[in-house]
Amino acid sequence: MKYEHVFKFMKNIVWSLILNGIFAIVLGLLILIFPDLLPILIGGFLIIFGIIALAFARRVNKYSKIDIEI
C-alpha cells in the first residue's frame, strides 16, 4: 500500500516534467519566430530547459516501475 503512493508520486513527477518541457519548448519556439517578444537568448534558454526537462522525465520514468510511454 505504501508503494502505491510512491508510484503515484513518481507518475505525477514524470507528467509534470513532460508538460513543463513541452511548454518551455513551444514558448521558446514562439519567441524565436517572433523575436520582438523577448530576446533570442531567452528563447534558446527555454528550448534547452525544455530538452533537459524531457530528458530528466525520461530518466525518472526509466528507473520507476510505472508504464508511461514517452
PDB file of N, CA and C in Angstrom:
ATOM      1  N   MET A   1       0.825  -1.189   0.000  1.00  0.00           N
ATOM      2  CA  MET A   1       0.000   0.000   0.000  1.00  0.00           C
ATOM      3  C   MET A   1       0.871   1.254   0.000  1.00  0.00           C
ATOM      4  N   LYS A   2       1.972   1.239   0.738  1.00  0.00           N
ATOM      5  CA  LYS A   2       2.851   2.403   0.787  1.00  0.00           C
ATOM      6  C   LYS A   2       3.526   2.636  -0.561  1.00  0.00           C
ATOM      7  N   TYR A   3       3.809   1.557  -1.270  1.00  0.00           N
ATOM      8  CA  TYR A   3       4.472   1.695  -2.564  1.00  0.00           C
ATOM      9  C   TYR A   3       3.552   2.333  -3.602  1.00  0.00           C
ATOM     10  N   GLU A   4       2.242   2.150  -3.444  1.00  0.00           N
ATOM     11  CA  GLU A   4       1.298   2.766  -4.369  1.00  0.00           C
ATOM     12  C   GLU A   4       1.425   4.276  -4.351  1.00  0.00           C
ATOM     13  N   HIS A   5       1.594   4.842  -3.172  1.00  0.00           N
ATOM     14  CA  HIS A   5       1.731   6.294  -3.053  1.00  0.00           C
ATOM     15  C   HIS A   5       3.023   6.770  -3.702  1.00  0.00           C
ATOM     16  N   VAL A   6       4.068   6.001  -3.539  1.00  0.00           N
ATOM     17  CA  VAL A   6       5.348   6.362  -4.154  1.00  0.00           C
ATOM     18  C   VAL A   6       5.227   6.320  -5.668  1.00  0.00           C
ATOM     19  N   PHE A   7       4.573   5.290  -6.194  1.00  0.00           N
ATOM     20  CA  PHE A   7       4.418   5.179  -7.642  1.00  0.00           C
ATOM     21  C   PHE A   7       3.536   6.290  -8.198  1.00  0.00           C
ATOM     22  N   LYS A   8       2.482   6.649  -7.472  1.00  0.00           N
ATOM     23  CA  LYS A   8       1.632   7.760  -7.917  1.00  0.00           C
ATOM     24  C   LYS A   8       2.415   9.067  -7.902  1.00  0.00           C
ATOM     25  N   PHE A   9       3.238   9.245  -6.884  1.00  0.00           N
ATOM     26  CA  PHE A   9       4.069  10.445  -6.796  1.00  0.00           C
ATOM     27  C   PHE A   9       5.050  10.503  -7.960  1.00  0.00           C
ATOM     28  N   MET A  10       5.683   9.382  -8.257  1.00  0.00           N
ATOM     29  CA  MET A  10       6.622   9.326  -9.379  1.00  0.00           C
ATOM     30  C   MET A  10       5.901   9.613 -10.694  1.00  0.00           C
ATOM     31  N   LYS A  11       4.704   9.071 -10.849  1.00  0.00           N
ATOM     32  CA  LYS A  11       3.938   9.304 -12.068  1.00  0.00           C
ATOM     33  C   LYS A  11       3.616  10.791 -12.216  1.00  0.00           C
ATOM     34  N   ASN A  12       3.263  11.445 -11.123  1.00  0.00           N
ATOM     35  CA  ASN A  12       2.986  12.878 -11.171  1.00  0.00           C
ATOM     36  C   ASN A  12       4.232  13.678 -11.519  1.00  0.00           C
ATOM     37  N   ILE A  13       5.370  13.284 -10.991  1.00  0.00           N
ATOM     38  CA  ILE A  13       6.623  13.972 -11.313  1.00  0.00           C
ATOM     39  C   ILE A  13       6.924  13.843 -12.800  1.00  0.00           C
ATOM     40  N   VAL A  14       6.767  12.651 -13.336  1.00  0.00           N
ATOM     41  CA  VAL A  14       7.060  12.420 -14.756  1.00  0.00           C
ATOM     42  C   VAL A  14       6.151  13.271 -15.632  1.00  0.00           C
ATOM     43  N   TRP A  15       4.855  13.246 -15.375  1.00  0.00           N
ATOM     44  CA  TRP A  15       3.936  14.023 -16.209  1.00  0.00           C
ATOM     45  C   TRP A  15       4.160  15.515 -16.054  1.00  0.00           C
ATOM     46  N   SER A  16       4.492  15.957 -14.850  1.00  0.00           N
ATOM     47  CA  SER A  16       4.781  17.377 -14.642  1.00  0.00           C
ATOM     48  C   SER A  16       5.996  17.811 -15.442  1.00  0.00           C
ATOM     49  N   LEU A  17       7.035  17.001 -15.419  1.00  0.00           N
ATOM     50  CA  LEU A  17       8.235  17.335 -16.186  1.00  0.00           C
ATOM     51  C   LEU A  17       7.973  17.301 -17.687  1.00  0.00           C
ATOM     52  N   ILE A  18       7.166  16.367 -18.140  1.00  0.00           N
ATOM     53  CA  ILE A  18       6.840  16.301 -19.568  1.00  0.00           C
ATOM     54  C   ILE A  18       6.078  17.553 -19.997  1.00  0.00           C
ATOM     55  N   LEU A  19       5.077  17.929 -19.226  1.00  0.00           N
ATOM     56  CA  LEU A  19       4.298  19.111 -19.586  1.00  0.00           C
ATOM     57  C   LEU A  19       5.131  20.385 -19.516  1.00  0.00           C
ATOM     58  N   ASN A  20       5.968  20.508 -18.495  1.00  0.00           N
ATOM     59  CA  ASN A  20       6.843  21.676 -18.401  1.00  0.00           C
ATOM     60  C   ASN A  20       7.821  21.720 -19.562  1.00  0.00           C
ATOM     61  N   GLY A  21       8.331  20.577 -19.950  1.00  0.00           N
ATOM     62  CA  GLY A  21       9.263  20.527 -21.069  1.00  0.00           C
ATOM     63  C   GLY A  21       8.610  20.918 -22.380  1.00  0.00           C
ATOM     64  N   ILE A  22       7.423  20.405 -22.631  1.00  0.00           N
ATOM     65  CA  ILE A  22       6.710  20.758 -23.865  1.00  0.00           C
ATOM     66  C   ILE A  22       6.371  22.244 -23.874  1.00  0.00           C
ATOM     67  N   PHE A  23       5.911  22.760 -22.748  1.00  0.00           N
ATOM     68  CA  PHE A  23       5.573  24.183 -22.657  1.00  0.00           C
ATOM     69  C   PHE A  23       6.792  25.060 -22.903  1.00  0.00           C
ATOM     70  N   ALA A  24       7.906  24.705 -22.320  1.00  0.00           N
ATOM     71  CA  ALA A  24       9.122  25.503 -22.489  1.00  0.00           C
ATOM     72  C   ALA A  24       9.607  25.480 -23.936  1.00  0.00           C
ATOM     73  N   ILE A  25       9.526  24.330 -24.597  1.00  0.00           N
ATOM     74  CA  ILE A  25       9.954  24.240 -25.995  1.00  0.00           C
ATOM     75  C   ILE A  25       9.037  25.070 -26.893  1.00  0.00           C
ATOM     76  N   VAL A  26       7.733  24.958 -26.698  1.00  0.00           N
ATOM     77  CA  VAL A  26       6.793  25.732 -27.518  1.00  0.00           C
ATOM     78  C   VAL A  26       6.990  27.224 -27.291  1.00  0.00           C
ATOM     79  N   LEU A  27       7.131  27.626 -26.045  1.00  0.00           N
ATOM     80  CA  LEU A  27       7.347  29.040 -25.747  1.00  0.00           C
ATOM     81  C   LEU A  27       8.651  29.531 -26.354  1.00  0.00           C
ATOM     82  N   GLY A  28       9.676  28.727 -26.279  1.00  0.00           N
ATOM     83  CA  GLY A  28      10.953  29.093 -26.881  1.00  0.00           C
ATOM     84  C   GLY A  28      10.863  29.233 -28.386  1.00  0.00           C
ATOM     85  N   LEU A  29      10.143  28.328 -29.036  1.00  0.00           N
ATOM     86  CA  LEU A  29       9.971  28.418 -30.488  1.00  0.00           C
ATOM     87  C   LEU A  29       9.169  29.657 -30.879  1.00  0.00           C
ATOM     88  N   LEU A  30       8.139  29.986 -30.105  1.00  0.00           N
ATOM     89  CA  LEU A  30       7.365  31.191 -30.396  1.00  0.00           C
ATOM     90  C   LEU A  30       8.211  32.452 -30.251  1.00  0.00           C
ATOM     91  N   ILE A  31       9.084  32.465 -29.264  1.00  0.00           N
ATOM     92  CA  ILE A  31       9.957  33.626 -29.083  1.00  0.00           C
ATOM     93  C   ILE A  31      10.947  33.728 -30.235  1.00  0.00           C
ATOM     94  N   LEU A  32      11.441  32.590 -30.720  1.00  0.00           N
ATOM     95  CA  LEU A  32      12.357  32.617 -31.861  1.00  0.00           C
ATOM     96  C   LEU A  32      11.645  33.047 -33.143  1.00  0.00           C
ATOM     97  N   ILE A  33      10.393  32.658 -33.309  1.00  0.00           N
ATOM     98  CA  ILE A  33       9.635  33.046 -34.501  1.00  0.00           C
ATOM     99  C   ILE A  33       9.298  34.533 -34.452  1.00  0.00           C
ATOM    100  N   PHE A  34       8.920  35.026 -33.285  1.00  0.00           N
ATOM    101  CA  PHE A  34       8.571  36.433 -33.107  1.00  0.00           C
ATOM    102  C   PHE A  34       9.585  37.079 -32.169  1.00  0.00           C
ATOM    103  N   PRO A  35      10.739  37.484 -32.690  1.00  0.00           N
ATOM    104  CA  PRO A  35      11.812  37.974 -31.818  1.00  0.00           C
ATOM    105  C   PRO A  35      11.500  39.287 -31.109  1.00  0.00           C
ATOM    106  N   ASP A  36      10.419  39.952 -31.492  1.00  0.00           N
ATOM    107  CA  ASP A  36      10.060  41.186 -30.800  1.00  0.00           C
ATOM    108  C   ASP A  36       9.510  40.914 -29.399  1.00  0.00           C
ATOM    109  N   LEU A  37       9.106  39.686 -29.147  1.00  0.00           N
ATOM    110  CA  LEU A  37       8.545  39.377 -27.835  1.00  0.00           C
ATOM    111  C   LEU A  37       9.617  39.415 -26.747  1.00  0.00           C
ATOM    112  N   LEU A  38      10.681  38.712 -26.950  1.00  0.00           N
ATOM    113  CA  LEU A  38      11.792  38.670 -25.997  1.00  0.00           C
ATOM    114  C   LEU A  38      13.072  38.412 -26.785  1.00  0.00           C
ATOM    115  N   PRO A  39      14.216  38.699 -26.198  1.00  0.00           N
ATOM    116  CA  PRO A  39      15.471  38.434 -26.921  1.00  0.00           C
ATOM    117  C   PRO A  39      15.644  36.952 -27.267  1.00  0.00           C
ATOM    118  N   ILE A  40      16.407  36.696 -28.304  1.00  0.00           N
ATOM    119  CA  ILE A  40      16.613  35.328 -28.786  1.00  0.00           C
ATOM    120  C   ILE A  40      17.330  34.469 -27.739  1.00  0.00           C
ATOM    121  N   LEU A  41      18.113  35.068 -26.909  1.00  0.00           N
ATOM    122  CA  LEU A  41      18.792  34.288 -25.868  1.00  0.00           C
ATOM    123  C   LEU A  41      17.795  33.629 -24.922  1.00  0.00           C
ATOM    124  N   ILE A  42      16.743  34.318 -24.591  1.00  0.00           N
ATOM    125  CA  ILE A  42      15.740  33.724 -23.711  1.00  0.00           C
ATOM    126  C   ILE A  42      15.055  32.561 -24.421  1.00  0.00           C
ATOM    127  N   GLY A  43      14.822  32.713 -25.727  1.00  0.00           N
ATOM    128  CA  GLY A  43      14.242  31.611 -26.494  1.00  0.00           C
ATOM    129  C   GLY A  43      15.127  30.386 -26.482  1.00  0.00           C
ATOM    130  N   GLY A  44      16.424  30.599 -26.683  1.00  0.00           N
ATOM    131  CA  GLY A  44      17.355  29.475 -26.643  1.00  0.00           C
ATOM    132  C   GLY A  44      17.397  28.819 -25.275  1.00  0.00           C
ATOM    133  N   PHE A  45      17.370  29.636 -24.234  1.00  0.00           N
ATOM    134  CA  PHE A  45      17.370  29.102 -22.875  1.00  0.00           C
ATOM    135  C   PHE A  45      16.137  28.246 -22.633  1.00  0.00           C
ATOM    136  N   LEU A  46      14.991  28.710 -23.079  1.00  0.00           N
ATOM    137  CA  LEU A  46      13.771  27.942 -22.854  1.00  0.00           C
ATOM    138  C   LEU A  46      13.778  26.622 -23.621  1.00  0.00           C
ATOM    139  N   ILE A  47      14.326  26.626 -24.829  1.00  0.00           N
ATOM    140  CA  ILE A  47      14.410  25.380 -25.594  1.00  0.00           C
ATOM    141  C   ILE A  47      15.334  24.390 -24.895  1.00  0.00           C
ATOM    142  N   ILE A  48      16.484  24.864 -24.443  1.00  0.00           N
ATOM    143  CA  ILE A  48      17.422  23.983 -23.741  1.00  0.00           C
ATOM    144  C   ILE A  48      16.810  23.468 -22.446  1.00  0.00           C
ATOM    145  N   PHE A  49      16.137  24.350 -21.704  1.00  0.00           N
ATOM    146  CA  PHE A  49      15.484  23.943 -20.468  1.00  0.00           C
ATOM    147  C   PHE A  49      14.436  22.867 -20.745  1.00  0.00           C
ATOM    148  N   GLY A  50      13.686  23.025 -21.819  1.00  0.00           N
ATOM    149  CA  GLY A  50      12.669  22.036 -22.170  1.00  0.00           C
ATOM    150  C   GLY A  50      13.260  20.685 -22.513  1.00  0.00           C
ATOM    151  N   ILE A  51      14.349  20.693 -23.259  1.00  0.00           N
ATOM    152  CA  ILE A  51      15.005  19.432 -23.625  1.00  0.00           C
ATOM    153  C   ILE A  51      15.550  18.728 -22.385  1.00  0.00           C
ATOM    154  N   ILE A  52      16.138  19.495 -21.479  1.00  0.00           N
ATOM    155  CA  ILE A  52      16.662  18.911 -20.245  1.00  0.00           C
ATOM    156  C   ILE A  52      15.532  18.344 -19.393  1.00  0.00           C
ATOM    157  N   ALA A  53      14.420  19.060 -19.316  1.00  0.00           N
ATOM    158  CA  ALA A  53      13.289  18.582 -18.520  1.00  0.00           C
ATOM    159  C   ALA A  53      12.730  17.281 -19.094  1.00  0.00           C
ATOM    160  N   LEU A  54      12.632  17.195 -20.426  1.00  0.00           N
ATOM    161  CA  LEU A  54      12.146  15.958 -21.040  1.00  0.00           C
ATOM    162  C   LEU A  54      13.123  14.803 -20.832  1.00  0.00           C
ATOM    163  N   ALA A  55      14.414  15.085 -20.907  1.00  0.00           N
ATOM    164  CA  ALA A  55      15.410  14.040 -20.666  1.00  0.00           C
ATOM    165  C   ALA A  55      15.345  13.562 -19.218  1.00  0.00           C
ATOM    166  N   PHE A  56      15.148  14.491 -18.287  1.00  0.00           N
ATOM    167  CA  PHE A  56      15.032  14.122 -16.876  1.00  0.00           C
ATOM    168  C   PHE A  56      13.780  13.279 -16.643  1.00  0.00           C
ATOM    169  N   ALA A  57      12.676  13.654 -17.273  1.00  0.00           N
ATOM    170  CA  ALA A  57      11.439  12.882 -17.128  1.00  0.00           C
ATOM    171  C   ALA A  57      11.618  11.473 -17.672  1.00  0.00           C
ATOM    172  N   ARG A  58      12.314  11.358 -18.777  1.00  0.00           N
ATOM    173  CA  ARG A  58      12.553  10.035 -19.349  1.00  0.00           C
ATOM    174  C   ARG A  58      13.412   9.184 -18.419  1.00  0.00           C
ATOM    175  N   ARG A  59      14.411   9.805 -17.801  1.00  0.00           N
ATOM    176  CA  ARG A  59      15.279   9.067 -16.887  1.00  0.00           C
ATOM    177  C   ARG A  59      14.519   8.630 -15.641  1.00  0.00           C
ATOM    178  N   VAL A  60      13.688   9.527 -15.087  1.00  0.00           N
ATOM    179  CA  VAL A  60      12.889   9.162 -13.918  1.00  0.00           C
ATOM    180  C   VAL A  60      11.930   8.036 -14.285  1.00  0.00           C
ATOM    181  N   ASN A  61      11.336   8.132 -15.462  1.00  0.00           N
ATOM    182  CA  ASN A  61      10.409   7.092 -15.910  1.00  0.00           C
ATOM    183  C   ASN A  61      11.126   5.764 -16.127  1.00  0.00           C
ATOM    184  N   LYS A  62      12.357   5.819 -16.608  1.00  0.00           N
ATOM    185  CA  LYS A  62      13.123   4.597 -16.866  1.00  0.00           C
ATOM    186  C   LYS A  62      13.395   3.830 -15.576  1.00  0.00           C
ATOM    187  N   TYR A  63      13.692   4.553 -14.498  1.00  0.00           N
ATOM    188  CA  TYR A  63      14.039   3.894 -13.249  1.00  0.00           C
ATOM    189  C   TYR A  63      12.839   3.637 -12.351  1.00  0.00           C
ATOM    190  N   SER A  64      11.676   4.118 -12.738  1.00  0.00           N
ATOM    191  CA  SER A  64      10.483   3.795 -11.964  1.00  0.00           C
ATOM    192  C   SER A  64       9.826   2.570 -12.595  1.00  0.00           C
ATOM    193  N   LYS A  65       8.900   1.992 -11.898  1.00  0.00           N
ATOM    194  CA  LYS A  65       8.236   0.798 -12.413  1.00  0.00           C
ATOM    195  C   LYS A  65       6.847   1.143 -12.927  1.00  0.00           C
ATOM    196  N   ILE A  66       6.699   2.351 -13.442  1.00  0.00           N
ATOM    197  CA  ILE A  66       5.428   2.813 -13.962  1.00  0.00           C
ATOM    198  C   ILE A  66       5.484   2.722 -15.480  1.00  0.00           C
ATOM    199  N   ASP A  67       4.429   2.249 -16.088  1.00  0.00           N
ATOM    200  CA  ASP A  67       4.395   2.127 -17.542  1.00  0.00           C
ATOM    201  C   ASP A  67       3.783   3.379 -18.157  1.00  0.00           C
ATOM    202  N   ILE A  68       4.640   4.325 -18.540  1.00  0.00           N
ATOM    203  CA  ILE A  68       4.223   5.524 -19.254  1.00  0.00           C
ATOM    204  C   ILE A  68       5.050   5.574 -20.517  1.00  0.00           C
ATOM    205  N   GLU A  69       4.393   5.594 -21.654  1.00  0.00           N
ATOM    206  CA  GLU A  69       5.126   5.657 -22.911  1.00  0.00           C
ATOM    207  C   GLU A  69       5.401   7.107 -23.256  1.00  0.00           C
ATOM    208  N   ILE A  70       6.678   7.408 -23.496  1.00  0.00           N
ATOM    209  CA  ILE A  70       7.077   8.772 -23.861  1.00  0.00           C
ATOM    210  C   ILE A  70       7.463   8.770 -25.313  1.00  0.00           C
TER     211      ILE A  70
END
